[in-house]
Amino acid sequence: MNKTRKLATGALAAALSGLVAAPLYAQLPAHLRDYPLTQRKAEGQAIAPMFNGWIAHEDGSVQMIFGFANLNRDEIVDIPLGPNNHIEPAQFDGVQPTHFPTYTRPGFVGIQERGVFAVTVPPEMAGTEVVWTLTHAGHTYSIPGRATSSAYEMSSDPAAWGSFNPAIRFNQAGPESTDREGIYASRINAKVGQPVTLTAYIQDRGDRDGYDLERTIFPLGTEWILHQGPAEPHFDQAAISGRERDKQDAGESGQRSTNGWEEVTTQATFPEPGDYVVRLQVDNFTAPDSQFDNQCCWSNAYVPVTVTE
């Protein structure tokens, strides 16, 4: 077969292949089109709750860590707390997100948003499953958090080169978050359309003495994210990576203390009245032993905001 004929035959095969493959999705029965590995649609898809893992504590309590996957390509979904977004047992209900953005990340994580919140099951409730249920667009999915599989067991020990989850405080002398469950700031009052300042203090807790590293303290990344609320607020600078902060050589406020704590701020403007919760995620992904894919190393903290007209 000459070269020209080979090319023509290849082109015809490719064209026929396209004609066959294009309608395959449409030919699937409706119940098979909803499988997670089918083609992602722009909207109308499920929001899947995800169980990311568990951490055992010395006192016998267990922390359950959850995230989610928005299966839509474009649609940002809000599911208020209630029958379509609830956790059982009820004592753990209310800390989960109601706002579900879309994500497209490289590597293993893909569309997942990991470690959005966590709950701690006390020792006297050992063995209890914590079940998060989400219903959207006719799809209902429940995910149990359970401390039974070692494949899901996580550690709060330092990473390979000494990284820990960063620390977050809302007052330098106040409570401290070093995990996904986090702490809550005092409630802030704001007006619709009027910027309000959100402030926190952050610190890299890495213990890297004795490791062959050029530095022992790494710049931290921050992201302010709507966790709960009736409408998405505007943040004047929602996210700053550790690399970007390293170039700035200061926090957003321009203030870095001598005790390792750094003040970070953002201006938030809320478009509608109501009760909101903003999540602050702080990471040290600039460290060589820390990355989102491996569930290391970042912490959460939450800011409740009441907005009035």
C-alpha atoms as a PDB file:
ATOM      1  CA  MET A   1       0.000   0.000   0.000  1.00  0.00           C
ATOM      2  CA  ASN A   2       1.487   3.344  -1.020  1.00  0.00           C
ATOM      3  CA  LYS A   3       1.914   6.261   1.341  1.00  0.00           C
ATOM      4  CA  THR A   4      -1.001   8.263  -0.061  1.00  0.00           C
ATOM      5  CA  ARG A   5      -3.388   5.348   0.298  1.00  0.00           C
ATOM      6  CA  LYS A   6      -2.241   4.690   3.864  1.00  0.00           C
ATOM      7  CA  LEU A   7      -2.925   8.315   4.806  1.00  0.00           C
ATOM      8  CA  ALA A   8      -6.363   8.212   3.175  1.00  0.00           C
ATOM      9  CA  THR A   9      -7.234   4.954   4.923  1.00  0.00           C
ATOM     10  CA  GLY A  10      -6.079   6.341   8.290  1.00  0.00           C
ATOM     11  CA  ALA A  11      -8.122   9.493   7.842  1.00  0.00           C
ATOM     12  CA  LEU A  12     -11.244   7.492   6.948  1.00  0.00           C
ATOM     13  CA  ALA A  13     -10.774   5.255  10.004  1.00  0.00           C
ATOM     14  CA  ALA A  14     -10.374   8.270  12.257  1.00  0.00           C
ATOM     15  CA  ALA A  15     -13.507   9.876  10.817  1.00  0.00           C
ATOM     16  CA  LEU A  16     -15.548   6.713  11.268  1.00  0.00           C
ATOM     17  CA  SER A  17     -14.207   6.345  14.799  1.00  0.00           C
ATOM     18  CA  GLY A  18     -15.349   9.860  15.585  1.00  0.00           C
ATOM     19  CA  LEU A  19     -18.815   9.177  14.185  1.00  0.00           C
ATOM     20  CA  VAL A  20     -19.129   6.062  16.346  1.00  0.00           C
ATOM     21  CA  ALA A  21     -17.628   7.508  19.545  1.00  0.00           C
ATOM     22  CA  ALA A  22     -19.459  10.834  19.528  1.00  0.00           C
ATOM     23  CA  PRO A  23     -22.955   9.465  20.234  1.00  0.00           C
ATOM     24  CA  LEU A  24     -21.874   6.691  22.630  1.00  0.00           C
ATOM     25  CA  TYR A  25     -22.648   8.803  25.695  1.00  0.00           C
ATOM     26  CA  ALA A  26     -26.121   9.600  24.328  1.00  0.00           C
ATOM     27  CA  GLN A  27     -26.700   5.898  23.688  1.00  0.00           C
ATOM     28  CA  LEU A  28     -26.040   4.925  27.294  1.00  0.00           C
ATOM     29  CA  PRO A  29     -29.126   4.172  29.418  1.00  0.00           C
ATOM     30  CA  ALA A  30     -29.964   7.115  31.686  1.00  0.00           C
ATOM     31  CA  HIS A  31     -28.979   5.252  34.861  1.00  0.00           C
ATOM     32  CA  LEU A  32     -25.466   4.639  33.475  1.00  0.00           C
ATOM     33  CA  ARG A  33     -24.896   8.268  32.488  1.00  0.00           C
ATOM     34  CA  ASP A  34     -24.795   9.221  36.169  1.00  0.00           C
ATOM     35  CA  TYR A  35     -21.735   7.139  36.993  1.00  0.00           C
ATOM     36  CA  PRO A  36     -18.831   9.291  38.319  1.00  0.00           C
ATOM     37  CA  LEU A  37     -16.452   8.261  35.511  1.00  0.00           C
ATOM     38  CA  THR A  38     -18.751   9.378  32.695  1.00  0.00           C
ATOM     39  CA  GLN A  39     -18.244  12.697  30.930  1.00  0.00           C
ATOM     40  CA  ARG A  40     -18.552  15.753  33.205  1.00  0.00           C
ATOM     41  CA  LYS A  41     -21.384  18.096  32.345  1.00  0.00           C
ATOM     42  CA  ALA A  42     -21.343  21.874  32.724  1.00  0.00           C
ATOM     43  CA  GLU A  43     -24.176  21.796  35.270  1.00  0.00           C
ATOM     44  CA  GLY A  44     -26.796  19.607  36.884  1.00  0.00           C
ATOM     45  CA  GLN A  45     -24.335  17.091  38.310  1.00  0.00           C
ATOM     46  CA  ALA A  46     -24.007  15.852  41.872  1.00  0.00           C
ATOM     47  CA  ILE A  47     -21.990  17.293  44.719  1.00  0.00           C
ATOM     48  CA  ALA A  48     -20.185  14.331  46.261  1.00  0.00           C
ATOM     49  CA  PRO A  49     -19.208  14.348  49.952  1.00  0.00           C
ATOM     50  CA  MET A  50     -15.761  12.852  50.502  1.00  0.00           C
ATOM     51  CA  PHE A  51     -14.169  11.226  53.547  1.00  0.00           C
ATOM     52  CA  ASN A  52     -10.482  12.143  53.536  1.00  0.00           C
ATOM     53  CA  GLY A  53      -9.253  10.244  56.581  1.00  0.00           C
ATOM     54  CA  TRP A  54      -9.049   9.960  60.344  1.00  0.00           C
ATOM     55  CA  ILE A  55      -6.534  10.778  63.058  1.00  0.00           C
ATOM     56  CA  ALA A  56      -6.420   8.957  66.408  1.00  0.00           C
ATOM     57  CA  HIS A  57      -5.608  11.031  69.492  1.00  0.00           C
ATOM     58  CA  GLU A  58      -3.946   9.847  72.676  1.00  0.00           C
ATOM     59  CA  ASP A  59      -7.101  10.464  74.733  1.00  0.00           C
ATOM     60  CA  GLY A  60      -9.058   7.966  72.620  1.00  0.00           C
ATOM     61  CA  SER A  61     -10.886  10.543  70.534  1.00  0.00           C
ATOM     62  CA  VAL A  62     -10.793  10.402  66.739  1.00  0.00           C
ATOM     63  CA  GLN A  63     -10.834  13.290  64.284  1.00  0.00           C
ATOM     64  CA  MET A  64     -12.776  12.682  61.045  1.00  0.00           C
ATOM     65  CA  ILE A  65     -11.760  14.818  58.058  1.00  0.00           C
ATOM     66  CA  PHE A  66     -14.059  15.567  55.117  1.00  0.00           C
ATOM     67  CA  GLY A  67     -13.965  17.272  51.727  1.00  0.00           C
ATOM     68  CA  PHE A  68     -16.104  17.282  48.590  1.00  0.00           C
ATOM     69  CA  ALA A  69     -16.083  17.023  44.812  1.00  0.00           C
ATOM     70  CA  ASN A  70     -18.274  19.227  42.619  1.00  0.00           C
ATOM     71  CA  LEU A  71     -18.847  17.036  39.563  1.00  0.00           C
ATOM     72  CA  ASN A  72     -19.904  19.992  37.396  1.00  0.00           C
ATOM     73  CA  ARG A  73     -17.485  21.704  35.046  1.00  0.00           C
ATOM     74  CA  ASP A  74     -18.960  25.177  35.583  1.00  0.00           C
ATOM     75  CA  GLU A  75     -21.839  25.247  38.056  1.00  0.00           C
ATOM     76  CA  ILE A  76     -21.021  26.589  41.529  1.00  0.00           C
ATOM     77  CA  VAL A  77     -23.573  25.087  43.905  1.00  0.00           C
ATOM     78  CA  ASP A  78     -25.004  26.247  47.230  1.00  0.00           C
ATOM     79  CA  ILE A  79     -26.824  23.734  49.441  1.00  0.00           C
ATOM     80  CA  PRO A  80     -28.132  25.235  52.714  1.00  0.00           C
ATOM     81  CA  LEU A  81     -27.912  23.309  55.963  1.00  0.00           C
ATOM     82  CA  GLY A  82     -30.958  21.096  56.375  1.00  0.00           C
ATOM     83  CA  PRO A  83     -32.425  17.966  54.804  1.00  0.00           C
ATOM     84  CA  ASN A  84     -30.246  18.320  51.682  1.00  0.00           C
ATOM     85  CA  ASN A  85     -27.031  18.948  53.625  1.00  0.00           C
ATOM     86  CA  HIS A  86     -26.775  17.311  57.003  1.00  0.00           C
ATOM     87  CA  ILE A  87     -24.507  15.238  59.242  1.00  0.00           C
ATOM     88  CA  GLU A  88     -25.460  12.425  61.588  1.00  0.00           C
ATOM     89  CA  PRO A  89     -25.207  12.093  64.553  1.00  0.00           C
ATOM     90  CA  ALA A  90     -26.871  15.507  64.829  1.00  0.00           C
ATOM     91  CA  GLN A  91     -24.386  16.786  67.414  1.00  0.00           C
ATOM     92  CA  PHE A  92     -21.799  17.108  64.624  1.00  0.00           C
ATOM     93  CA  ASP A  93     -24.172  18.825  62.189  1.00  0.00           C
ATOM     94  CA  GLY A  94     -23.666  22.459  61.150  1.00  0.00           C
ATOM     95  CA  VAL A  95     -19.914  22.738  60.584  1.00  0.00           C
ATOM     96  CA  GLN A  96     -19.966  21.476  56.976  1.00  0.00           C
ATOM     97  CA  PRO A  97     -19.830  23.835  53.969  1.00  0.00           C
ATOM     98  CA  THR A  98     -22.907  25.071  52.117  1.00  0.00           C
ATOM     99  CA  HIS A  99     -20.911  26.572  49.221  1.00  0.00           C
ATOM    100  CA  PHE A 100     -19.352  24.231  46.653  1.00  0.00           C
ATOM    101  CA  PRO A 101     -17.075  25.806  44.011  1.00  0.00           C
ATOM    102  CA  THR A 102     -15.667  23.875  41.059  1.00  0.00           C
ATOM    103  CA  TYR A 103     -12.009  22.846  41.045  1.00  0.00           C
ATOM    104  CA  THR A 104      -9.729  21.499  38.338  1.00  0.00           C
ATOM    105  CA  ARG A 105      -6.362  20.714  39.856  1.00  0.00           C
ATOM    106  CA  PRO A 106      -3.488  18.810  38.281  1.00  0.00           C
ATOM    107  CA  GLY A 107      -2.318  15.479  39.566  1.00  0.00           C
ATOM    108  CA  PHE A 108      -4.078  13.077  41.888  1.00  0.00           C
ATOM    109  CA  VAL A 109      -6.517  15.514  43.513  1.00  0.00           C
ATOM    110  CA  GLY A 110      -8.294  16.728  40.367  1.00  0.00           C
ATOM    111  CA  ILE A 111     -11.737  18.118  41.172  1.00  0.00           C
ATOM    112  CA  GLN A 112     -11.604  17.413  44.917  1.00  0.00           C
ATOM    113  CA  GLU A 113     -11.496  20.022  47.638  1.00  0.00           C
ATOM    114  CA  ARG A 114      -9.866  18.222  50.545  1.00  0.00           C
ATOM    115  CA  GLY A 115      -9.891  18.847  54.267  1.00  0.00           C
ATOM    116  CA  VAL A 116     -12.697  21.432  54.237  1.00  0.00           C
ATOM    117  CA  PHE A 117     -13.756  20.596  57.786  1.00  0.00           C
ATOM    118  CA  ALA A 118     -13.350  18.000  60.500  1.00  0.00           C
ATOM    119  CA  VAL A 119     -15.156  16.779  63.592  1.00  0.00           C
ATOM    120  CA  THR A 120     -13.808  14.991  66.647  1.00  0.00           C
ATOM    121  CA  VAL A 121     -15.600  11.911  67.971  1.00  0.00           C
ATOM    122  CA  PRO A 122     -15.018  11.773  71.755  1.00  0.00           C
ATOM    123  CA  PRO A 123     -13.663   8.619  73.461  1.00  0.00           C
ATOM    124  CA  GLU A 124     -17.068   7.673  74.879  1.00  0.00           C
ATOM    125  CA  MET A 125     -18.434   7.485  71.318  1.00  0.00           C
ATOM    126  CA  ALA A 126     -15.629   5.296  69.974  1.00  0.00           C
ATOM    127  CA  GLY A 127     -16.686   3.384  66.877  1.00  0.00           C
ATOM    128  CA  THR A 128     -19.396   5.878  65.926  1.00  0.00           C
ATOM    129  CA  GLU A 129     -19.736   6.616  62.204  1.00  0.00           C
ATOM    130  CA  VAL A 130     -20.115  10.256  61.190  1.00  0.00           C
ATOM    131  CA  VAL A 131     -22.232  10.355  58.019  1.00  0.00           C
ATOM    132  CA  TRP A 132     -22.446  13.421  55.745  1.00  0.00           C
ATOM    133  CA  THR A 133     -25.319  13.496  53.229  1.00  0.00           C
ATOM    134  CA  LEU A 134     -25.692  15.866  50.270  1.00  0.00           C
ATOM    135  CA  THR A 135     -28.615  16.113  47.837  1.00  0.00           C
ATOM    136  CA  HIS A 136     -28.444  18.169  44.645  1.00  0.00           C
ATOM    137  CA  ALA A 137     -30.022  17.960  41.175  1.00  0.00           C
ATOM    138  CA  GLY A 138     -31.842  14.741  42.022  1.00  0.00           C
ATOM    139  CA  HIS A 139     -28.703  13.004  43.305  1.00  0.00           C
ATOM    140  CA  THR A 140     -28.237  11.992  46.950  1.00  0.00           C
ATOM    141  CA  TYR A 141     -24.924  10.711  48.269  1.00  0.00           C
ATOM    142  CA  SER A 142     -23.873   9.861  51.816  1.00  0.00           C
ATOM    143  CA  ILE A 143     -20.328   9.257  52.959  1.00  0.00           C
ATOM    144  CA  PRO A 144     -19.490   7.621  56.311  1.00  0.00           C
ATOM    145  CA  GLY A 145     -16.487   8.719  58.295  1.00  0.00           C
ATOM    146  CA  ARG A 146     -15.198   5.723  60.191  1.00  0.00           C
ATOM    147  CA  ALA A 147     -11.933   4.821  61.927  1.00  0.00           C
ATOM    148  CA  THR A 148     -11.720   1.224  60.758  1.00  0.00           C
ATOM    149  CA  SER A 149      -9.380   1.158  57.749  1.00  0.00           C
ATOM    150  CA  SER A 150      -5.652   1.843  58.148  1.00  0.00           C
ATOM    151  CA  ALA A 151      -5.669   3.021  54.526  1.00  0.00           C
ATOM    152  CA  TYR A 152      -7.529   6.136  55.705  1.00  0.00           C
ATOM    153  CA  GLU A 153      -5.500   6.664  58.872  1.00  0.00           C
ATOM    154  CA  MET A 154      -3.561   9.920  58.894  1.00  0.00           C
ATOM    155  CA  SER A 155      -0.838  11.218  61.166  1.00  0.00           C
ATOM    156  CA  SER A 156      -0.231  14.478  62.994  1.00  0.00           C
ATOM    157  CA  ASP A 157       3.477  13.657  63.248  1.00  0.00           C
ATOM    158  CA  PRO A 158       5.989  15.822  61.352  1.00  0.00           C
ATOM    159  CA  ALA A 159       6.448  15.206  57.635  1.00  0.00           C
ATOM    160  CA  ALA A 160       9.650  13.831  56.103  1.00  0.00           C
ATOM    161  CA  TRP A 161      11.677  17.038  56.596  1.00  0.00           C
ATOM    162  CA  GLY A 162      10.037  18.384  59.702  1.00  0.00           C
ATOM    163  CA  SER A 163       6.916  20.138  58.410  1.00  0.00           C
ATOM    164  CA  PHE A 164       3.812  20.401  60.579  1.00  0.00           C
ATOM    165  CA  ASN A 165       0.435  21.947  59.904  1.00  0.00           C
ATOM    166  CA  PRO A 166       0.798  25.741  60.247  1.00  0.00           C
ATOM    167  CA  ALA A 167      -0.703  27.564  63.222  1.00  0.00           C
ATOM    168  CA  ILE A 168      -3.537  30.103  63.024  1.00  0.00           C
ATOM    169  CA  ARG A 169      -4.759  32.506  65.689  1.00  0.00           C
ATOM    170  CA  PHE A 170      -7.237  35.343  65.607  1.00  0.00           C
ATOM    171  CA  ASN A 171      -5.605  36.889  68.647  1.00  0.00           C
ATOM    172  CA  GLN A 172      -1.910  36.371  69.313  1.00  0.00           C
ATOM    173  CA  ALA A 173      -2.685  35.404  72.903  1.00  0.00           C
ATOM    174  CA  GLY A 174      -5.799  33.410  72.001  1.00  0.00           C
ATOM    175  CA  PRO A 175      -6.666  29.845  70.918  1.00  0.00           C
ATOM    176  CA  GLU A 176      -4.668  28.247  68.130  1.00  0.00           C
ATOM    177  CA  SER A 177      -5.627  26.037  65.189  1.00  0.00           C
ATOM    178  CA  THR A 178      -3.167  23.453  63.888  1.00  0.00           C
ATOM    179  CA  ASP A 179      -5.532  21.121  62.044  1.00  0.00           C
ATOM    180  CA  ARG A 180      -8.541  20.867  59.688  1.00  0.00           C
ATOM    181  CA  GLU A 181     -11.117  21.211  62.461  1.00  0.00           C
ATOM    182  CA  GLY A 182      -9.810  24.648  63.273  1.00  0.00           C
ATOM    183  CA  ILE A 183     -11.020  27.406  65.555  1.00  0.00           C
ATOM    184  CA  TYR A 184     -13.691  30.084  65.219  1.00  0.00           C
ATOM    185  CA  ALA A 185     -13.102  33.799  65.524  1.00  0.00           C
ATOM    186  CA  SER A 186     -15.453  36.081  67.432  1.00  0.00           C
ATOM    187  CA  ARG A 187     -18.433  37.043  65.279  1.00  0.00           C
ATOM    188  CA  ILE A 188     -17.959  40.103  63.085  1.00  0.00           C
ATOM    189  CA  ASN A 189     -20.799  42.482  62.159  1.00  0.00           C
ATOM    190  CA  ALA A 190     -20.844  44.038  58.697  1.00  0.00           C
ATOM    191  CA  LYS A 191     -23.090  45.995  56.332  1.00  0.00           C
ATOM    192  CA  VAL A 192     -24.104  45.001  52.804  1.00  0.00           C
ATOM    193  CA  GLY A 193     -21.708  46.505  50.276  1.00  0.00           C
ATOM    194  CA  GLN A 194     -19.328  47.926  52.893  1.00  0.00           C
ATOM    195  CA  PRO A 195     -15.875  46.283  53.141  1.00  0.00           C
ATOM    196  CA  VAL A 196     -14.912  44.757  56.460  1.00  0.00           C
ATOM    197  CA  THR A 197     -11.403  43.696  57.465  1.00  0.00           C
ATOM    198  CA  LEU A 198     -10.746  40.040  58.297  1.00  0.00           C
ATOM    199  CA  THR A 199      -7.534  39.494  60.258  1.00  0.00           C
ATOM    200  CA  ALA A 200      -5.578  36.473  61.460  1.00  0.00           C
ATOM    201  CA  TYR A 201      -2.072  35.572  62.643  1.00  0.00           C
ATOM    202  CA  ILE A 202      -0.192  32.663  61.093  1.00  0.00           C
ATOM    203  CA  GLN A 203       3.032  30.793  61.880  1.00  0.00           C
ATOM    204  CA  ASP A 204       5.111  28.048  60.254  1.00  0.00           C
ATOM    205  CA  ARG A 205       5.578  25.396  62.969  1.00  0.00           C
ATOM    206  CA  GLY A 206       8.120  23.260  61.117  1.00  0.00           C
ATOM    207  CA  ASP A 207      10.863  21.656  63.234  1.00  0.00           C
ATOM    208  CA  ARG A 208      13.621  21.372  60.637  1.00  0.00           C
ATOM    209  CA  ASP A 209      16.811  21.568  62.699  1.00  0.00           C
ATOM    210  CA  GLY A 210      19.202  18.826  61.613  1.00  0.00           C
ATOM    211  CA  TYR A 211      17.812  18.571  58.094  1.00  0.00           C
ATOM    212  CA  ASP A 212      19.885  19.579  55.083  1.00  0.00           C
ATOM    213  CA  LEU A 213      17.661  22.485  54.016  1.00  0.00           C
ATOM    214  CA  GLU A 214      18.552  26.010  52.947  1.00  0.00           C
ATOM    215  CA  ARG A 215      15.954  27.445  55.315  1.00  0.00           C
ATOM    216  CA  THR A 216      14.124  26.271  58.433  1.00  0.00           C
ATOM    217  CA  ILE A 217      11.080  28.580  58.104  1.00  0.00           C
ATOM    218  CA  PHE A 218       8.987  28.630  54.950  1.00  0.00           C
ATOM    219  CA  PRO A 219       6.546  31.332  53.788  1.00  0.00           C
ATOM    220  CA  LEU A 220       2.919  30.355  54.179  1.00  0.00           C
ATOM    221  CA  GLY A 221       0.092  30.504  51.666  1.00  0.00           C
ATOM    222  CA  THR A 222      -3.365  31.775  52.617  1.00  0.00           C
ATOM    223  CA  GLU A 223      -6.813  31.587  51.051  1.00  0.00           C
ATOM    224  CA  TRP A 224     -10.075  33.131  52.282  1.00  0.00           C
ATOM    225  CA  ILE A 225     -13.017  30.996  51.078  1.00  0.00           C
ATOM    226  CA  LEU A 226     -16.782  31.253  51.550  1.00  0.00           C
ATOM    227  CA  HIS A 227     -17.747  28.288  53.729  1.00  0.00           C
ATOM    228  CA  GLN A 228     -21.379  29.102  54.499  1.00  0.00           C
ATOM    229  CA  GLY A 229     -23.633  31.971  53.494  1.00  0.00           C
ATOM    230  CA  PRO A 230     -26.357  33.202  51.146  1.00  0.00           C
ATOM    231  CA  ALA A 231     -24.071  34.771  48.514  1.00  0.00           C
ATOM    232  CA  GLU A 232     -20.380  34.773  47.634  1.00  0.00           C
ATOM    233  CA  PRO A 233     -18.491  37.770  49.072  1.00  0.00           C
ATOM    234  CA  HIS A 234     -15.774  39.662  47.249  1.00  0.00           C
ATOM    235  CA  PHE A 235     -12.289  39.425  48.770  1.00  0.00           C
ATOM    236  CA  ASP A 236      -9.803  42.077  47.683  1.00  0.00           C
ATOM    237  CA  GLN A 237      -7.100  39.389  47.695  1.00  0.00           C
ATOM    238  CA  ALA A 238      -8.621  35.975  48.248  1.00  0.00           C
ATOM    239  CA  ALA A 239      -5.450  33.900  47.880  1.00  0.00           C
ATOM    240  CA  ILE A 240      -1.708  34.463  48.232  1.00  0.00           C
ATOM    241  CA  SER A 241       0.657  31.543  47.733  1.00  0.00           C
ATOM    242  CA  GLY A 242       3.722  31.032  49.883  1.00  0.00           C
ATOM    243  CA  ARG A 243       5.952  31.883  46.924  1.00  0.00           C
ATOM    244  CA  GLU A 244       4.079  35.148  46.349  1.00  0.00           C
ATOM    245  CA  ARG A 245       4.288  36.019  50.021  1.00  0.00           C
ATOM    246  CA  ASP A 246       8.008  35.245  50.018  1.00  0.00           C
ATOM    247  CA  LYS A 247       8.520  37.839  47.271  1.00  0.00           C
ATOM    248  CA  GLN A 248       6.504  40.396  49.239  1.00  0.00           C
ATOM    249  CA  ASP A 249       8.548  39.604  52.362  1.00  0.00           C
ATOM    250  CA  ALA A 250       5.577  40.587  54.510  1.00  0.00           C
ATOM    251  CA  GLY A 251       1.940  39.817  55.148  1.00  0.00           C
ATOM    252  CA  GLU A 252      -0.879  41.653  53.448  1.00  0.00           C
ATOM    253  CA  SER A 253      -0.776  44.146  56.303  1.00  0.00           C
ATOM    254  CA  GLY A 254       2.964  44.680  55.909  1.00  0.00           C
ATOM    255  CA  GLN A 255       3.593  43.562  59.493  1.00  0.00           C
ATOM    256  CA  ARG A 256       5.740  40.641  60.565  1.00  0.00           C
ATOM    257  CA  SER A 257       6.419  40.110  64.245  1.00  0.00           C
ATOM    258  CA  THR A 258       9.671  39.014  65.851  1.00  0.00           C
ATOM    259  CA  ASN A 259       8.143  35.899  67.432  1.00  0.00           C
ATOM    260  CA  GLY A 260       7.418  34.133  64.143  1.00  0.00           C
ATOM    261  CA  TRP A 261       3.784  35.194  63.852  1.00  0.00           C
ATOM    262  CA  GLU A 262       2.636  37.078  60.770  1.00  0.00           C
ATOM    263  CA  GLU A 263      -0.492  39.192  60.518  1.00  0.00           C
ATOM    264  CA  VAL A 264      -2.595  38.552  57.402  1.00  0.00           C
ATOM    265  CA  THR A 265      -5.663  40.494  56.357  1.00  0.00           C
ATOM    266  CA  THR A 266      -8.194  40.830  53.592  1.00  0.00           C
ATOM    267  CA  GLN A 267     -11.101  43.143  52.851  1.00  0.00           C
ATOM    268  CA  ALA A 268     -14.392  41.270  52.425  1.00  0.00           C
ATOM    269  CA  THR A 269     -17.518  42.821  50.893  1.00  0.00           C
ATOM    270  CA  PHE A 270     -20.812  40.948  51.310  1.00  0.00           C
ATOM    271  CA  PRO A 271     -23.567  41.381  48.694  1.00  0.00           C
ATOM    272  CA  GLU A 272     -26.576  40.191  50.724  1.00  0.00           C
ATOM    273  CA  PRO A 273     -27.679  40.256  54.366  1.00  0.00           C
ATOM    274  CA  GLY A 274     -27.470  37.039  56.351  1.00  0.00           C
ATOM    275  CA  ASP A 275     -25.143  34.873  58.393  1.00  0.00           C
ATOM    276  CA  TYR A 276     -21.859  33.834  56.799  1.00  0.00           C
ATOM    277  CA  VAL A 277     -18.822  31.760  57.698  1.00  0.00           C
ATOM    278  CA  VAL A 278     -15.523  32.423  55.931  1.00  0.00           C
ATOM    279  CA  ARG A 279     -12.858  29.723  56.006  1.00  0.00           C
ATOM    280  CA  LEU A 280      -9.190  30.676  56.165  1.00  0.00           C
ATOM    281  CA  GLN A 281      -6.911  27.939  54.824  1.00  0.00           C
ATOM    282  CA  VAL A 282      -3.215  28.344  55.647  1.00  0.00           C
ATOM    283  CA  ASP A 283      -0.593  26.095  54.015  1.00  0.00           C
ATOM    284  CA  ASN A 284       3.167  25.620  53.857  1.00  0.00           C
ATOM    285  CA  PHE A 285       3.245  24.078  50.388  1.00  0.00           C
ATOM    286  CA  THR A 286       6.539  25.856  49.680  1.00  0.00           C
ATOM    287  CA  ALA A 287       8.248  23.337  51.974  1.00  0.00           C
ATOM    288  CA  PRO A 288       9.697  20.331  50.090  1.00  0.00           C
ATOM    289  CA  ASP A 289       7.779  17.784  52.203  1.00  0.00           C
ATOM    290  CA  SER A 290       4.367  19.418  51.996  1.00  0.00           C
ATOM    291  CA  GLN A 291       1.731  19.318  49.271  1.00  0.00           C
ATOM    292  CA  PHE A 292      -2.050  19.212  48.917  1.00  0.00           C
ATOM    293  CA  ASP A 293      -1.956  15.814  47.189  1.00  0.00           C
ATOM    294  CA  ASN A 294      -0.478  14.183  50.299  1.00  0.00           C
ATOM    295  CA  GLN A 295      -2.818  15.849  52.819  1.00  0.00           C
ATOM    296  CA  CYS A 296       0.095  17.843  54.236  1.00  0.00           C
ATOM    297  CA  CYS A 297       0.377  20.469  55.473  1.00  0.00           C
ATOM    298  CA  TRP A 298      -2.410  22.996  56.050  1.00  0.00           C
ATOM    299  CA  SER A 299      -4.816  24.187  58.739  1.00  0.00           C
ATOM    300  CA  ASN A 300      -8.264  25.776  58.817  1.00  0.00           C
ATOM    301  CA  ALA A 301      -9.853  28.553  60.825  1.00  0.00           C
ATOM    302  CA  TYR A 302     -13.297  30.098  60.482  1.00  0.00           C
ATOM    303  CA  VAL A 303     -14.730  33.619  60.738  1.00  0.00           C
ATOM    304  CA  PRO A 304     -18.494  33.996  61.368  1.00  0.00           C
ATOM    305  CA  VAL A 305     -19.941  37.232  59.954  1.00  0.00           C
ATOM    306  CA  THR A 306     -23.438  38.671  60.383  1.00  0.00           C
ATOM    307  CA  VAL A 307     -24.343  41.053  57.551  1.00  0.00           C
ATOM    308  CA  THR A 308     -27.219  43.526  57.738  1.00  0.00           C
ATOM    309  CA  GLU A 309     -28.666  46.088  55.314  1.00  0.00           C
END
